[in-house]
Amino acid sequence: LAQRELWKGKAGSPAKATQYLQRAVQLDSINPADYLRLSVLLGATNRMAESVKILKQGLLLSPYNRLFYEFLAARYFSMQKYEDATRVAHQGLQLFPEDATLRGMLEKANSAAASP
């Protein structure tokens, strides 16, 4: 239902999709994509803290999904929480050492944290 709302492309569709996905997460969805999509929609409306919470829930559900580490590190970075971004990127790299996105995020977070 959420994806159908997004495909419609009408005003209000993202809000409806967000509602559907929030309901799915409240009902303990087992689909990691629900958590990722909801996080993206929340981030698009500048609801960063909620987005982080959803990503953490998704990470508990699917701890070997590299996208959760990438999205969570990026979200922390956008919130200027560089220490958290570094920690998450480092955790992701322990599982996915060849992940260029996580490696880049780690470098950016380290650089930003070192800047005055």
N, C-alpha and C. Protein backbone atom coordinates (compact mmCIF):
# COMPACT_ATOMS: atom_id res chain seq x y z
N LEU A 1 0.82 -1.20 0.00
CA LEU A 1 0.00 0.00 0.00
C LEU A 1 0.86 1.26 0.00
N ALA A 2 1.92 1.25 0.80
CA ALA A 2 2.79 2.42 0.88
C ALA A 2 3.43 2.69 -0.48
N GLN A 3 3.93 1.63 -1.12
CA GLN A 3 4.58 1.81 -2.42
C GLN A 3 3.58 2.32 -3.45
N ARG A 4 2.36 1.84 -3.40
CA ARG A 4 1.34 2.29 -4.34
C ARG A 4 1.09 3.79 -4.17
N GLU A 5 1.04 4.24 -2.93
CA GLU A 5 0.86 5.68 -2.68
C GLU A 5 2.01 6.49 -3.25
N LEU A 6 3.20 5.99 -3.11
CA LEU A 6 4.36 6.71 -3.63
C LEU A 6 4.35 6.73 -5.15
N TRP A 7 3.90 5.66 -5.78
CA TRP A 7 3.83 5.61 -7.24
C TRP A 7 2.79 6.57 -7.79
N LYS A 8 1.75 6.86 -7.02
CA LYS A 8 0.72 7.78 -7.48
C LYS A 8 1.30 9.15 -7.78
N GLY A 9 2.26 9.56 -6.95
CA GLY A 9 2.91 10.84 -7.17
C GLY A 9 2.05 12.05 -6.88
N LYS A 10 0.95 11.86 -6.20
CA LYS A 10 0.05 12.97 -5.87
C LYS A 10 0.51 13.66 -4.60
N ALA A 11 0.07 14.91 -4.44
CA ALA A 11 0.32 15.61 -3.18
C ALA A 11 -0.35 14.81 -2.07
N GLY A 12 0.35 14.63 -0.99
CA GLY A 12 -0.20 13.87 0.12
C GLY A 12 0.14 12.40 0.08
N SER A 13 0.61 11.92 -1.07
CA SER A 13 0.97 10.51 -1.19
C SER A 13 2.09 10.11 -0.23
N PRO A 14 3.17 10.91 -0.10
CA PRO A 14 4.21 10.54 0.87
C PRO A 14 3.69 10.48 2.30
N ALA A 15 2.78 11.36 2.65
CA ALA A 15 2.22 11.34 4.00
C ALA A 15 1.41 10.07 4.23
N LYS A 16 0.65 9.67 3.23
CA LYS A 16 -0.13 8.44 3.34
C LYS A 16 0.77 7.22 3.40
N ALA A 17 1.82 7.23 2.57
CA ALA A 17 2.78 6.13 2.58
C ALA A 17 3.45 6.03 3.95
N THR A 18 3.79 7.19 4.52
CA THR A 18 4.39 7.21 5.85
C THR A 18 3.45 6.58 6.87
N GLN A 19 2.18 6.91 6.79
CA GLN A 19 1.20 6.33 7.72
C GLN A 19 1.13 4.81 7.58
N TYR A 20 1.09 4.33 6.34
CA TYR A 20 1.03 2.88 6.11
C TYR A 20 2.26 2.19 6.69
N LEU A 21 3.42 2.78 6.43
CA LEU A 21 4.66 2.17 6.90
C LEU A 21 4.79 2.24 8.42
N GLN A 22 4.35 3.34 9.01
CA GLN A 22 4.38 3.43 10.48
C GLN A 22 3.51 2.35 11.09
N ARG A 23 2.38 2.11 10.48
CA ARG A 23 1.47 1.06 10.97
C ARG A 23 2.13 -0.32 10.82
N ALA A 24 2.77 -0.54 9.70
CA ALA A 24 3.45 -1.83 9.48
C ALA A 24 4.54 -2.05 10.54
N VAL A 25 5.31 -1.01 10.82
CA VAL A 25 6.37 -1.11 11.82
C VAL A 25 5.79 -1.33 13.22
N GLN A 26 4.69 -0.65 13.52
CA GLN A 26 4.03 -0.85 14.81
C GLN A 26 3.56 -2.28 14.97
N LEU A 27 3.19 -2.90 13.86
CA LEU A 27 2.73 -4.29 13.89
C LEU A 27 3.89 -5.28 13.75
N ASP A 28 5.11 -4.79 13.95
CA ASP A 28 6.33 -5.61 13.91
C ASP A 28 6.54 -6.28 12.55
N SER A 29 6.50 -5.47 11.50
CA SER A 29 6.78 -5.98 10.17
C SER A 29 8.11 -6.73 10.17
N ILE A 30 8.17 -7.79 9.39
CA ILE A 30 9.43 -8.54 9.28
C ILE A 30 10.14 -8.21 7.96
N ASN A 31 9.65 -7.20 7.25
CA ASN A 31 10.23 -6.80 5.98
C ASN A 31 11.19 -5.62 6.20
N PRO A 32 12.50 -5.84 6.06
CA PRO A 32 13.45 -4.75 6.28
C PRO A 32 13.19 -3.53 5.40
N ALA A 33 12.66 -3.74 4.20
CA ALA A 33 12.38 -2.62 3.29
C ALA A 33 11.38 -1.64 3.89
N ASP A 34 10.45 -2.12 4.70
CA ASP A 34 9.48 -1.23 5.34
C ASP A 34 10.21 -0.21 6.24
N TYR A 35 11.20 -0.68 6.95
CA TYR A 35 11.95 0.19 7.86
C TYR A 35 12.80 1.18 7.08
N LEU A 36 13.43 0.70 6.01
CA LEU A 36 14.26 1.58 5.19
C LEU A 36 13.41 2.65 4.51
N ARG A 37 12.28 2.26 3.92
CA ARG A 37 11.41 3.23 3.25
C ARG A 37 10.87 4.26 4.23
N LEU A 38 10.44 3.79 5.39
CA LEU A 38 9.91 4.72 6.39
C LEU A 38 10.99 5.69 6.82
N SER A 39 12.19 5.20 7.01
CA SER A 39 13.30 6.07 7.39
C SER A 39 13.55 7.16 6.35
N VAL A 40 13.51 6.78 5.08
CA VAL A 40 13.73 7.75 4.00
C VAL A 40 12.62 8.80 4.01
N LEU A 41 11.38 8.35 4.15
CA LEU A 41 10.26 9.30 4.17
C LEU A 41 10.34 10.24 5.36
N LEU A 42 10.71 9.72 6.52
CA LEU A 42 10.84 10.57 7.70
C LEU A 42 11.98 11.57 7.52
N GLY A 43 13.08 11.11 6.95
CA GLY A 43 14.21 12.01 6.70
C GLY A 43 13.85 13.11 5.71
N ALA A 44 13.04 12.78 4.73
CA ALA A 44 12.63 13.77 3.72
C ALA A 44 11.78 14.88 4.32
N THR A 45 11.15 14.60 5.44
CA THR A 45 10.34 15.61 6.13
C THR A 45 11.07 16.14 7.37
N ASN A 46 12.39 15.93 7.38
CA ASN A 46 13.26 16.44 8.45
C ASN A 46 12.92 15.91 9.84
N ARG A 47 12.42 14.70 9.89
CA ARG A 47 12.13 14.03 11.16
C ARG A 47 13.25 13.04 11.45
N MET A 48 14.44 13.62 11.65
CA MET A 48 15.67 12.83 11.74
C MET A 48 15.70 11.89 12.94
N ALA A 49 15.29 12.37 14.10
CA ALA A 49 15.33 11.53 15.30
C ALA A 49 14.42 10.31 15.12
N GLU A 50 13.25 10.51 14.52
CA GLU A 50 12.35 9.38 14.27
C GLU A 50 12.96 8.42 13.24
N SER A 51 13.61 9.00 12.25
CA SER A 51 14.26 8.19 11.22
C SER A 51 15.34 7.30 11.84
N VAL A 52 16.13 7.87 12.74
CA VAL A 52 17.18 7.10 13.43
C VAL A 52 16.56 5.97 14.24
N LYS A 53 15.49 6.26 14.93
CA LYS A 53 14.83 5.23 15.75
C LYS A 53 14.35 4.06 14.88
N ILE A 54 13.78 4.37 13.73
CA ILE A 54 13.29 3.34 12.81
C ILE A 54 14.46 2.53 12.26
N LEU A 55 15.55 3.20 11.92
CA LEU A 55 16.72 2.48 11.41
C LEU A 55 17.30 1.54 12.46
N LYS A 56 17.31 1.97 13.71
CA LYS A 56 17.80 1.10 14.78
C LYS A 56 16.91 -0.13 14.93
N GLN A 57 15.60 0.07 14.82
CA GLN A 57 14.68 -1.07 14.89
C GLN A 57 14.94 -2.04 13.73
N GLY A 58 15.12 -1.48 12.55
CA GLY A 58 15.39 -2.30 11.37
C GLY A 58 16.70 -3.05 11.49
N LEU A 59 17.70 -2.41 12.08
CA LEU A 59 18.99 -3.04 12.27
C LEU A 59 18.89 -4.23 13.22
N LEU A 60 18.05 -4.11 14.23
CA LEU A 60 17.82 -5.25 15.13
C LEU A 60 17.14 -6.40 14.39
N LEU A 61 16.26 -6.07 13.48
CA LEU A 61 15.54 -7.07 12.70
C LEU A 61 16.46 -7.74 11.68
N SER A 62 17.34 -6.95 11.08
CA SER A 62 18.17 -7.45 9.98
C SER A 62 19.61 -6.95 10.16
N PRO A 63 20.34 -7.54 11.11
CA PRO A 63 21.68 -7.02 11.44
C PRO A 63 22.74 -7.24 10.37
N TYR A 64 22.45 -8.02 9.34
CA TYR A 64 23.42 -8.25 8.28
C TYR A 64 23.00 -7.57 6.97
N ASN A 65 22.20 -6.53 7.09
CA ASN A 65 21.78 -5.74 5.94
C ASN A 65 22.61 -4.46 5.95
N ARG A 66 23.53 -4.36 5.00
CA ARG A 66 24.46 -3.23 5.00
C ARG A 66 23.77 -1.88 4.84
N LEU A 67 22.60 -1.86 4.22
CA LEU A 67 21.90 -0.59 4.01
C LEU A 67 21.54 0.09 5.33
N PHE A 68 21.23 -0.70 6.34
CA PHE A 68 20.91 -0.09 7.64
C PHE A 68 22.12 0.66 8.20
N TYR A 69 23.29 0.09 8.06
CA TYR A 69 24.50 0.76 8.53
C TYR A 69 24.78 2.02 7.72
N GLU A 70 24.62 1.91 6.40
CA GLU A 70 24.86 3.07 5.54
C GLU A 70 23.87 4.19 5.83
N PHE A 71 22.59 3.87 5.89
CA PHE A 71 21.57 4.89 6.13
C PHE A 71 21.72 5.50 7.52
N LEU A 72 21.99 4.66 8.52
CA LEU A 72 22.11 5.17 9.88
C LEU A 72 23.33 6.07 10.03
N ALA A 73 24.46 5.67 9.45
CA ALA A 73 25.65 6.52 9.50
C ALA A 73 25.39 7.85 8.79
N ALA A 74 24.73 7.79 7.64
CA ALA A 74 24.40 9.01 6.90
C ALA A 74 23.45 9.91 7.68
N ARG A 75 22.49 9.30 8.35
CA ARG A 75 21.53 10.08 9.13
C ARG A 75 22.25 10.78 10.29
N TYR A 76 23.09 10.05 11.00
CA TYR A 76 23.86 10.67 12.08
C TYR A 76 24.74 11.79 11.55
N PHE A 77 25.36 11.56 10.40
CA PHE A 77 26.21 12.59 9.81
C PHE A 77 25.40 13.84 9.51
N SER A 78 24.23 13.69 8.94
CA SER A 78 23.39 14.85 8.61
C SER A 78 22.92 15.58 9.86
N MET A 79 22.88 14.86 10.98
CA MET A 79 22.49 15.48 12.26
C MET A 79 23.71 16.04 13.00
N GLN A 80 24.89 15.96 12.36
CA GLN A 80 26.16 16.40 12.92
C GLN A 80 26.53 15.62 14.19
N LYS A 81 26.12 14.38 14.25
CA LYS A 81 26.50 13.48 15.34
C LYS A 81 27.62 12.59 14.80
N TYR A 82 28.79 13.21 14.68
CA TYR A 82 29.91 12.55 14.00
C TYR A 82 30.44 11.34 14.76
N GLU A 83 30.41 11.40 16.07
CA GLU A 83 30.88 10.26 16.85
C GLU A 83 29.98 9.04 16.61
N ASP A 84 28.67 9.28 16.59
CA ASP A 84 27.73 8.19 16.31
C ASP A 84 27.89 7.68 14.88
N ALA A 85 28.07 8.60 13.93
CA ALA A 85 28.26 8.21 12.53
C ALA A 85 29.51 7.34 12.39
N THR A 86 30.58 7.73 13.08
CA THR A 86 31.83 6.97 13.04
C THR A 86 31.62 5.57 13.63
N ARG A 87 30.93 5.50 14.75
CA ARG A 87 30.70 4.22 15.42
C ARG A 87 29.91 3.27 14.53
N VAL A 88 28.83 3.78 13.92
CA VAL A 88 27.98 2.94 13.08
C VAL A 88 28.72 2.50 11.81
N ALA A 89 29.45 3.43 11.20
CA ALA A 89 30.21 3.08 10.00
C ALA A 89 31.26 2.01 10.33
N HIS A 90 31.90 2.17 11.47
CA HIS A 90 32.91 1.19 11.89
C HIS A 90 32.27 -0.18 12.13
N GLN A 91 31.11 -0.20 12.77
CA GLN A 91 30.40 -1.48 12.99
C GLN A 91 30.05 -2.13 11.65
N GLY A 92 29.57 -1.33 10.72
CA GLY A 92 29.22 -1.85 9.41
C GLY A 92 30.43 -2.39 8.67
N LEU A 93 31.55 -1.70 8.79
CA LEU A 93 32.77 -2.16 8.12
C LEU A 93 33.32 -3.45 8.71
N GLN A 94 33.02 -3.72 9.97
CA GLN A 94 33.43 -5.00 10.55
C GLN A 94 32.71 -6.15 9.86
N LEU A 95 31.47 -5.92 9.44
CA LEU A 95 30.70 -6.96 8.75
C LEU A 95 30.93 -6.93 7.24
N PHE A 96 31.13 -5.73 6.71
CA PHE A 96 31.25 -5.53 5.27
C PHE A 96 32.52 -4.73 4.96
N PRO A 97 33.69 -5.34 5.11
CA PRO A 97 34.95 -4.59 4.99
C PRO A 97 35.20 -3.97 3.61
N GLU A 98 34.54 -4.46 2.58
CA GLU A 98 34.75 -3.93 1.23
C GLU A 98 33.75 -2.84 0.86
N ASP A 99 32.89 -2.44 1.78
CA ASP A 99 31.84 -1.48 1.47
C ASP A 99 32.42 -0.07 1.32
N ALA A 100 32.45 0.41 0.08
CA ALA A 100 33.02 1.73 -0.21
C ALA A 100 32.18 2.86 0.39
N THR A 101 30.89 2.69 0.44
CA THR A 101 30.02 3.73 1.00
C THR A 101 30.31 3.92 2.49
N LEU A 102 30.39 2.83 3.22
CA LEU A 102 30.69 2.93 4.65
C LEU A 102 32.09 3.48 4.88
N ARG A 103 33.03 3.07 4.06
CA ARG A 103 34.40 3.58 4.21
C ARG A 103 34.42 5.10 3.98
N GLY A 104 33.73 5.55 2.95
CA GLY A 104 33.65 6.99 2.68
C GLY A 104 32.96 7.74 3.80
N MET A 105 31.90 7.16 4.34
CA MET A 105 31.17 7.78 5.45
C MET A 105 32.07 7.88 6.68
N LEU A 106 32.85 6.85 6.94
CA LEU A 106 33.77 6.86 8.08
C LEU A 106 34.81 7.97 7.91
N GLU A 107 35.35 8.11 6.72
CA GLU A 107 36.33 9.17 6.47
C GLU A 107 35.71 10.56 6.64
N LYS A 108 34.51 10.74 6.09
CA LYS A 108 33.83 12.04 6.23
C LYS A 108 33.52 12.37 7.69
N ALA A 109 33.05 11.38 8.42
CA ALA A 109 32.72 11.60 9.83
C ALA A 109 33.96 11.91 10.65
N ASN A 110 35.05 11.19 10.38
CA ASN A 110 36.30 11.45 11.09
C ASN A 110 36.82 12.84 10.78
N SER A 111 36.75 13.25 9.51
CA SER A 111 37.19 14.58 9.11
C SER A 111 36.35 15.66 9.77
N ALA A 112 35.04 15.47 9.75
CA ALA A 112 34.13 16.46 10.34
C ALA A 112 34.33 16.57 11.85
N ALA A 113 34.56 15.43 12.50
CA ALA A 113 34.78 15.44 13.94
C ALA A 113 36.10 16.13 14.31
N ALA A 114 37.08 16.05 13.42
CA ALA A 114 38.39 16.66 13.69
C ALA A 114 38.40 18.16 13.40
N SER A 115 37.43 18.63 12.61
CA SER A 115 37.37 20.07 12.27
C SER A 115 36.87 20.87 13.46
N PRO A 116 37.41 22.09 13.61
CA PRO A 116 36.96 22.93 14.75
C PRO A 116 35.57 23.46 14.60
